[in-house]
Amino acid sequence: MAKKLLDQLCEELRLQHYSYRTEQAYVDWARRFILFHNKRHPAEMGATEIRAFLTHLTQDRNISASTQNQALSAILFLYRHVLHKEIEPILLSTAKRPERLPTVLTRQEVLTLLEHLVGIYKLMTQLLYGSGLRLMECVRLRIKDVDFEYKAITVRDGKGEKDRIVPLPETIIPALRLQIERVRLLHAEDLAAGYGEINLPNGLR
């Protein structure tokens, strides 16, 4: 029963265009919620059981406020969009995040860090720092979205399903061109060996 319910949760998340990482996180929280209550079906439970699970996470697992809020969001999504059961907001509350100033590395600290990196890891870190890309945006970066002429990178379907343009640091252009050429050669070798294909989602296919 739990497996079928989690499949329904996946389908609903995809229908509402949640990211794959969010889908993974929400399904995991729903599974942990069900297991915590000895595999009881969520339809048989409510605010009392949700509150008990969140208390367990806070007191026994010592999770952060943001993680607790993500767990709550996942469970509420399950109830509202899959079970079509509304949980009274007054019975639950989100955890308050501590207000802290972010720690920002100095320019010299960044240079020192880069000195200890090599190859693709150094190039990716330079892209993250110089362009302001998020980690998965960098991992999923496509050649077609890099514009060397305008020194810009187009981020497709970023956070909130929004596109945006970020600067391409001129200092890393030679290394990026070299990486692209390496990938082209590797791809050509894969094609010659009968490989080199990749699944593409939705309209891209």
C-alpha atoms as a PDB file:
ATOM      1  CA  MET A   1       0.000   0.000   0.000  1.00  0.00           C
ATOM      2  CA  ALA A   2       2.824   2.380   0.900  1.00  0.00           C
ATOM      3  CA  LYS A   3       4.589   1.721  -2.403  1.00  0.00           C
ATOM      4  CA  LYS A   4       1.470   2.501  -4.410  1.00  0.00           C
ATOM      5  CA  LEU A   5       0.931   5.678  -2.405  1.00  0.00           C
ATOM      6  CA  LEU A   6       4.508   6.819  -3.004  1.00  0.00           C
ATOM      7  CA  ASP A   7       4.066   6.193  -6.731  1.00  0.00           C
ATOM      8  CA  GLN A   8       1.033   8.481  -6.645  1.00  0.00           C
ATOM      9  CA  LEU A   9       3.118  11.072  -4.798  1.00  0.00           C
ATOM     10  CA  CYS A  10       5.779  10.921  -7.532  1.00  0.00           C
ATOM     11  CA  GLU A  11       3.197  11.375 -10.251  1.00  0.00           C
ATOM     12  CA  GLU A  12       1.624  14.384  -8.546  1.00  0.00           C
ATOM     13  CA  LEU A  13       5.007  16.045  -7.984  1.00  0.00           C
ATOM     14  CA  ARG A  14       5.856  15.607 -11.648  1.00  0.00           C
ATOM     15  CA  LEU A  15       2.477  16.951 -12.756  1.00  0.00           C
ATOM     16  CA  GLN A  16       3.178  20.087 -10.742  1.00  0.00           C
ATOM     17  CA  HIS A  17       6.696  20.361 -12.227  1.00  0.00           C
ATOM     18  CA  TYR A  18       8.641  19.982  -9.006  1.00  0.00           C
ATOM     19  CA  SER A  19      12.360  19.391  -9.510  1.00  0.00           C
ATOM     20  CA  TYR A  20      13.730  15.853  -9.424  1.00  0.00           C
ATOM     21  CA  ARG A  21      15.701  16.584  -6.260  1.00  0.00           C
ATOM     22  CA  THR A  22      12.549  17.864  -4.536  1.00  0.00           C
ATOM     23  CA  GLU A  23      10.705  14.761  -5.703  1.00  0.00           C
ATOM     24  CA  GLN A  24      13.383  12.547  -4.171  1.00  0.00           C
ATOM     25  CA  ALA A  25      13.321  14.476  -0.897  1.00  0.00           C
ATOM     26  CA  TYR A  26       9.515  14.512  -0.592  1.00  0.00           C
ATOM     27  CA  VAL A  27       9.178  10.804  -1.320  1.00  0.00           C
ATOM     28  CA  ASP A  28      11.888  10.021   1.222  1.00  0.00           C
ATOM     29  CA  TRP A  29      10.162  12.089   3.925  1.00  0.00           C
ATOM     30  CA  ALA A  30       6.819  10.441   3.198  1.00  0.00           C
ATOM     31  CA  ARG A  31       8.435   7.007   3.429  1.00  0.00           C
ATOM     32  CA  ARG A  32      10.138   7.880   6.722  1.00  0.00           C
ATOM     33  CA  PHE A  33       6.859   9.224   8.107  1.00  0.00           C
ATOM     34  CA  ILE A  34       5.071   5.968   7.261  1.00  0.00           C
ATOM     35  CA  LEU A  35       7.855   3.786   8.689  1.00  0.00           C
ATOM     36  CA  PHE A  36       7.989   5.858  11.888  1.00  0.00           C
ATOM     37  CA  HIS A  37       4.354   4.990  12.517  1.00  0.00           C
ATOM     38  CA  ASN A  38       4.893   1.264  11.836  1.00  0.00           C
ATOM     39  CA  LYS A  39       3.681   1.420   8.220  1.00  0.00           C
ATOM     40  CA  ARG A  40       0.272   2.821   9.043  1.00  0.00           C
ATOM     41  CA  HIS A  41      -1.433   4.366   6.045  1.00  0.00           C
ATOM     42  CA  PRO A  42      -1.304   8.185   6.213  1.00  0.00           C
ATOM     43  CA  ALA A  43      -5.057   8.321   5.529  1.00  0.00           C
ATOM     44  CA  GLU A  44      -5.553   6.805   8.984  1.00  0.00           C
ATOM     45  CA  MET A  45      -3.404   9.480  10.618  1.00  0.00           C
ATOM     46  CA  GLY A  46      -3.458  13.247  10.979  1.00  0.00           C
ATOM     47  CA  ALA A  47      -1.980  16.231  12.768  1.00  0.00           C
ATOM     48  CA  THR A  48      -1.198  14.299  15.973  1.00  0.00           C
ATOM     49  CA  GLU A  49       0.955  11.762  14.128  1.00  0.00           C
ATOM     50  CA  ILE A  50       2.613  14.438  11.998  1.00  0.00           C
ATOM     51  CA  ARG A  51       3.490  16.417  15.108  1.00  0.00           C
ATOM     52  CA  ALA A  52       4.902  13.279  16.771  1.00  0.00           C
ATOM     53  CA  PHE A  53       7.103  12.610  13.728  1.00  0.00           C
ATOM     54  CA  LEU A  54       8.411  16.174  13.642  1.00  0.00           C
ATOM     55  CA  THR A  55       9.118  16.038  17.386  1.00  0.00           C
ATOM     56  CA  HIS A  56      11.085  12.834  16.825  1.00  0.00           C
ATOM     57  CA  LEU A  57      13.143  14.488  14.093  1.00  0.00           C
ATOM     58  CA  THR A  58      13.905  17.483  16.285  1.00  0.00           C
ATOM     59  CA  GLN A  59      14.601  15.754  19.586  1.00  0.00           C
ATOM     60  CA  ASP A  60      16.063  12.415  18.496  1.00  0.00           C
ATOM     61  CA  ARG A  61      17.629  13.275  15.143  1.00  0.00           C
ATOM     62  CA  ASN A  62      18.590  16.859  15.983  1.00  0.00           C
ATOM     63  CA  ILE A  63      17.730  18.133  12.502  1.00  0.00           C
ATOM     64  CA  SER A  64      17.900  21.803  11.530  1.00  0.00           C
ATOM     65  CA  ALA A  65      14.875  24.076  11.276  1.00  0.00           C
ATOM     66  CA  SER A  66      15.069  24.150   7.459  1.00  0.00           C
ATOM     67  CA  THR A  67      15.149  20.328   7.291  1.00  0.00           C
ATOM     68  CA  GLN A  68      12.193  20.103   9.661  1.00  0.00           C
ATOM     69  CA  ASN A  69      10.249  22.540   7.482  1.00  0.00           C
ATOM     70  CA  GLN A  70      11.049  20.488   4.388  1.00  0.00           C
ATOM     71  CA  ALA A  71       9.746  17.342   6.114  1.00  0.00           C
ATOM     72  CA  LEU A  72       6.547  19.170   7.051  1.00  0.00           C
ATOM     73  CA  SER A  73       6.103  20.510   3.503  1.00  0.00           C
ATOM     74  CA  ALA A  74       6.544  17.008   2.071  1.00  0.00           C
ATOM     75  CA  ILE A  75       3.967  15.465   4.395  1.00  0.00           C
ATOM     76  CA  LEU A  76       1.456  18.288   3.855  1.00  0.00           C
ATOM     77  CA  PHE A  77       1.886  17.904   0.084  1.00  0.00           C
ATOM     78  CA  LEU A  78       1.096  14.202   0.453  1.00  0.00           C
ATOM     79  CA  TYR A  79      -2.076  14.930   2.390  1.00  0.00           C
ATOM     80  CA  ARG A  80      -3.321  17.831   0.267  1.00  0.00           C
ATOM     81  CA  HIS A  81      -2.520  16.640  -3.246  1.00  0.00           C
ATOM     82  CA  VAL A  82      -2.550  12.846  -3.003  1.00  0.00           C
ATOM     83  CA  LEU A  83      -4.909  12.014  -0.136  1.00  0.00           C
ATOM     84  CA  HIS A  84      -6.976  15.193  -0.668  1.00  0.00           C
ATOM     85  CA  LYS A  85      -7.125  15.663   3.070  1.00  0.00           C
ATOM     86  CA  GLU A  86      -6.529  19.100   4.568  1.00  0.00           C
ATOM     87  CA  ILE A  87      -4.600  19.365   7.831  1.00  0.00           C
ATOM     88  CA  GLU A  88      -5.608  22.327   9.965  1.00  0.00           C
ATOM     89  CA  PRO A  89      -2.659  24.792   9.880  1.00  0.00           C
ATOM     90  CA  ILE A  90      -3.362  25.794  13.472  1.00  0.00           C
ATOM     91  CA  LEU A  91      -2.423  22.275  14.574  1.00  0.00           C
ATOM     92  CA  LEU A  92       1.031  22.495  13.016  1.00  0.00           C
ATOM     93  CA  SER A  93       3.656  25.194  12.779  1.00  0.00           C
ATOM     94  CA  THR A  94       6.880  25.622  10.875  1.00  0.00           C
ATOM     95  CA  ALA A  95      10.166  25.825  12.729  1.00  0.00           C
ATOM     96  CA  LYS A  96      11.733  29.252  12.989  1.00  0.00           C
ATOM     97  CA  ARG A  97      15.091  29.469  11.284  1.00  0.00           C
ATOM     98  CA  PRO A  98      17.874  31.152  13.225  1.00  0.00           C
ATOM     99  CA  GLU A  99      18.859  34.463  11.660  1.00  0.00           C
ATOM    100  CA  ARG A 100      22.562  34.361  10.920  1.00  0.00           C
ATOM    101  CA  LEU A 101      24.772  36.378   8.618  1.00  0.00           C
ATOM    102  CA  PRO A 102      26.289  34.313   5.806  1.00  0.00           C
ATOM    103  CA  THR A 103      29.994  33.517   5.890  1.00  0.00           C
ATOM    104  CA  VAL A 104      31.652  34.819   2.734  1.00  0.00           C
ATOM    105  CA  LEU A 105      35.151  33.828   1.662  1.00  0.00           C
ATOM    106  CA  THR A 106      37.594  36.621   0.904  1.00  0.00           C
ATOM    107  CA  ARG A 107      39.137  36.872  -2.558  1.00  0.00           C
ATOM    108  CA  GLN A 108      42.434  35.493  -1.209  1.00  0.00           C
ATOM    109  CA  GLU A 109      40.674  32.570   0.472  1.00  0.00           C
ATOM    110  CA  VAL A 110      38.977  31.700  -2.831  1.00  0.00           C
ATOM    111  CA  LEU A 111      42.313  31.828  -4.668  1.00  0.00           C
ATOM    112  CA  THR A 112      43.891  29.610  -2.015  1.00  0.00           C
ATOM    113  CA  LEU A 113      41.058  27.124  -2.376  1.00  0.00           C
ATOM    114  CA  LEU A 114      41.402  27.059  -6.168  1.00  0.00           C
ATOM    115  CA  GLU A 115      45.122  26.370  -5.859  1.00  0.00           C
ATOM    116  CA  HIS A 116      44.279  23.024  -4.268  1.00  0.00           C
ATOM    117  CA  LEU A 117      41.954  21.958  -7.086  1.00  0.00           C
ATOM    118  CA  VAL A 118      42.813  20.523 -10.500  1.00  0.00           C
ATOM    119  CA  GLY A 119      41.077  19.523 -13.711  1.00  0.00           C
ATOM    120  CA  ILE A 120      37.309  19.493 -14.021  1.00  0.00           C
ATOM    121  CA  TYR A 121      36.833  20.149 -10.291  1.00  0.00           C
ATOM    122  CA  LYS A 122      38.766  23.393 -10.520  1.00  0.00           C
ATOM    123  CA  LEU A 123      36.862  24.462 -13.634  1.00  0.00           C
ATOM    124  CA  MET A 124      33.496  23.735 -12.017  1.00  0.00           C
ATOM    125  CA  THR A 125      34.463  25.644  -8.878  1.00  0.00           C
ATOM    126  CA  GLN A 126      35.575  28.606 -10.980  1.00  0.00           C
ATOM    127  CA  LEU A 127      32.206  28.539 -12.755  1.00  0.00           C
ATOM    128  CA  LEU A 128      30.332  28.389  -9.460  1.00  0.00           C
ATOM    129  CA  TYR A 129      32.299  31.297  -8.029  1.00  0.00           C
ATOM    130  CA  GLY A 130      32.619  33.455 -11.139  1.00  0.00           C
ATOM    131  CA  SER A 131      29.148  32.964 -12.605  1.00  0.00           C
ATOM    132  CA  GLY A 132      27.040  32.431  -9.501  1.00  0.00           C
ATOM    133  CA  LEU A 133      25.753  29.102 -10.787  1.00  0.00           C
ATOM    134  CA  ARG A 134      24.118  26.680  -8.376  1.00  0.00           C
ATOM    135  CA  LEU A 135      25.759  23.264  -8.145  1.00  0.00           C
ATOM    136  CA  MET A 136      23.205  21.340 -10.214  1.00  0.00           C
ATOM    137  CA  GLU A 137      23.035  24.179 -12.749  1.00  0.00           C
ATOM    138  CA  CYS A 138      26.756  23.730 -13.274  1.00  0.00           C
ATOM    139  CA  VAL A 139      26.505  19.933 -13.504  1.00  0.00           C
ATOM    140  CA  ARG A 140      23.713  20.182 -16.093  1.00  0.00           C
ATOM    141  CA  LEU A 141      25.289  22.991 -18.111  1.00  0.00           C
ATOM    142  CA  ARG A 142      25.035  22.401 -21.867  1.00  0.00           C
ATOM    143  CA  ILE A 143      27.423  23.602 -24.535  1.00  0.00           C
ATOM    144  CA  LYS A 144      24.605  25.382 -26.389  1.00  0.00           C
ATOM    145  CA  ASP A 145      23.997  27.591 -23.344  1.00  0.00           C
ATOM    146  CA  VAL A 146      27.542  28.947 -23.244  1.00  0.00           C
ATOM    147  CA  ASP A 147      27.999  32.109 -25.323  1.00  0.00           C
ATOM    148  CA  PHE A 148      31.681  32.893 -25.704  1.00  0.00           C
ATOM    149  CA  GLU A 149      31.050  35.953 -27.870  1.00  0.00           C
ATOM    150  CA  TYR A 150      28.897  37.740 -25.296  1.00  0.00           C
ATOM    151  CA  LYS A 151      30.712  36.097 -22.365  1.00  0.00           C
ATOM    152  CA  ALA A 152      27.455  34.879 -20.902  1.00  0.00           C
ATOM    153  CA  ILE A 153      25.799  31.646 -19.763  1.00  0.00           C
ATOM    154  CA  THR A 154      22.080  31.002 -20.101  1.00  0.00           C
ATOM    155  CA  VAL A 155      20.693  29.006 -17.202  1.00  0.00           C
ATOM    156  CA  ARG A 156      17.665  27.022 -18.353  1.00  0.00           C
ATOM    157  CA  ASP A 157      14.878  26.017 -15.993  1.00  0.00           C
ATOM    158  CA  GLY A 158      16.679  27.175 -12.857  1.00  0.00           C
ATOM    159  CA  LYS A 159      15.182  27.473  -9.396  1.00  0.00           C
ATOM    160  CA  GLY A 160      11.499  28.329  -9.644  1.00  0.00           C
ATOM    161  CA  GLU A 161      11.512  27.099 -13.275  1.00  0.00           C
ATOM    162  CA  LYS A 162      13.033  30.398 -14.374  1.00  0.00           C
ATOM    163  CA  ASP A 163      15.657  31.102 -17.023  1.00  0.00           C
ATOM    164  CA  ARG A 164      18.370  33.662 -16.376  1.00  0.00           C
ATOM    165  CA  ILE A 165      21.656  34.896 -17.838  1.00  0.00           C
ATOM    166  CA  VAL A 166      24.833  34.972 -15.777  1.00  0.00           C
ATOM    167  CA  PRO A 167      28.298  36.280 -16.700  1.00  0.00           C
ATOM    168  CA  LEU A 168      30.991  33.987 -18.069  1.00  0.00           C
ATOM    169  CA  PRO A 169      34.335  34.951 -16.467  1.00  0.00           C
ATOM    170  CA  GLU A 170      36.836  35.745 -19.195  1.00  0.00           C
ATOM    171  CA  THR A 171      39.697  34.165 -17.222  1.00  0.00           C
ATOM    172  CA  ILE A 172      38.238  30.668 -17.475  1.00  0.00           C
ATOM    173  CA  ILE A 173      37.274  30.783 -21.158  1.00  0.00           C
ATOM    174  CA  PRO A 174      40.468  28.991 -22.349  1.00  0.00           C
ATOM    175  CA  ALA A 175      39.981  26.168 -19.820  1.00  0.00           C
ATOM    176  CA  LEU A 176      36.298  25.890 -20.705  1.00  0.00           C
ATOM    177  CA  ARG A 177      37.031  25.724 -24.432  1.00  0.00           C
ATOM    178  CA  LEU A 178      39.584  22.986 -23.746  1.00  0.00           C
ATOM    179  CA  GLN A 179      37.050  21.017 -21.696  1.00  0.00           C
ATOM    180  CA  ILE A 180      34.461  21.305 -24.461  1.00  0.00           C
ATOM    181  CA  GLU A 181      36.982  19.995 -26.995  1.00  0.00           C
ATOM    182  CA  ARG A 182      37.794  17.046 -24.706  1.00  0.00           C
ATOM    183  CA  VAL A 183      34.119  16.222 -24.443  1.00  0.00           C
ATOM    184  CA  ARG A 184      33.686  16.439 -28.219  1.00  0.00           C
ATOM    185  CA  LEU A 185      36.514  13.944 -28.747  1.00  0.00           C
ATOM    186  CA  LEU A 186      35.184  11.622 -26.053  1.00  0.00           C
ATOM    187  CA  HIS A 187      31.711  11.773 -27.561  1.00  0.00           C
ATOM    188  CA  ALA A 188      33.110  10.982 -31.023  1.00  0.00           C
ATOM    189  CA  GLU A 189      34.899   7.940 -29.587  1.00  0.00           C
ATOM    190  CA  ASP A 190      31.696   6.783 -27.874  1.00  0.00           C
ATOM    191  CA  LEU A 191      29.720   7.134 -31.112  1.00  0.00           C
ATOM    192  CA  ALA A 192      32.360   5.179 -33.017  1.00  0.00           C
ATOM    193  CA  ALA A 193      32.086   2.422 -30.404  1.00  0.00           C
ATOM    194  CA  GLY A 194      28.309   2.342 -30.725  1.00  0.00           C
ATOM    195  CA  TYR A 195      27.579   4.352 -27.598  1.00  0.00           C
ATOM    196  CA  GLY A 196      27.215   8.090 -26.920  1.00  0.00           C
ATOM    197  CA  GLU A 197      23.425   8.307 -26.774  1.00  0.00           C
ATOM    198  CA  ILE A 198      21.498   9.872 -23.901  1.00  0.00           C
ATOM    199  CA  ASN A 199      17.869   9.975 -22.833  1.00  0.00           C
ATOM    200  CA  LEU A 200      16.276  13.386 -23.084  1.00  0.00           C
ATOM    201  CA  PRO A 201      13.169  14.458 -21.153  1.00  0.00           C
ATOM    202  CA  ASN A 202       9.853  15.593 -22.586  1.00  0.00           C
ATOM    203  CA  GLY A 203      10.074  18.032 -25.519  1.00  0.00           C
ATOM    204  CA  LEU A 204      13.883  17.819 -25.764  1.00  0.00           C
ATOM    205  CA  ARG A 205      13.571  14.268 -27.046  1.00  0.00           C
END
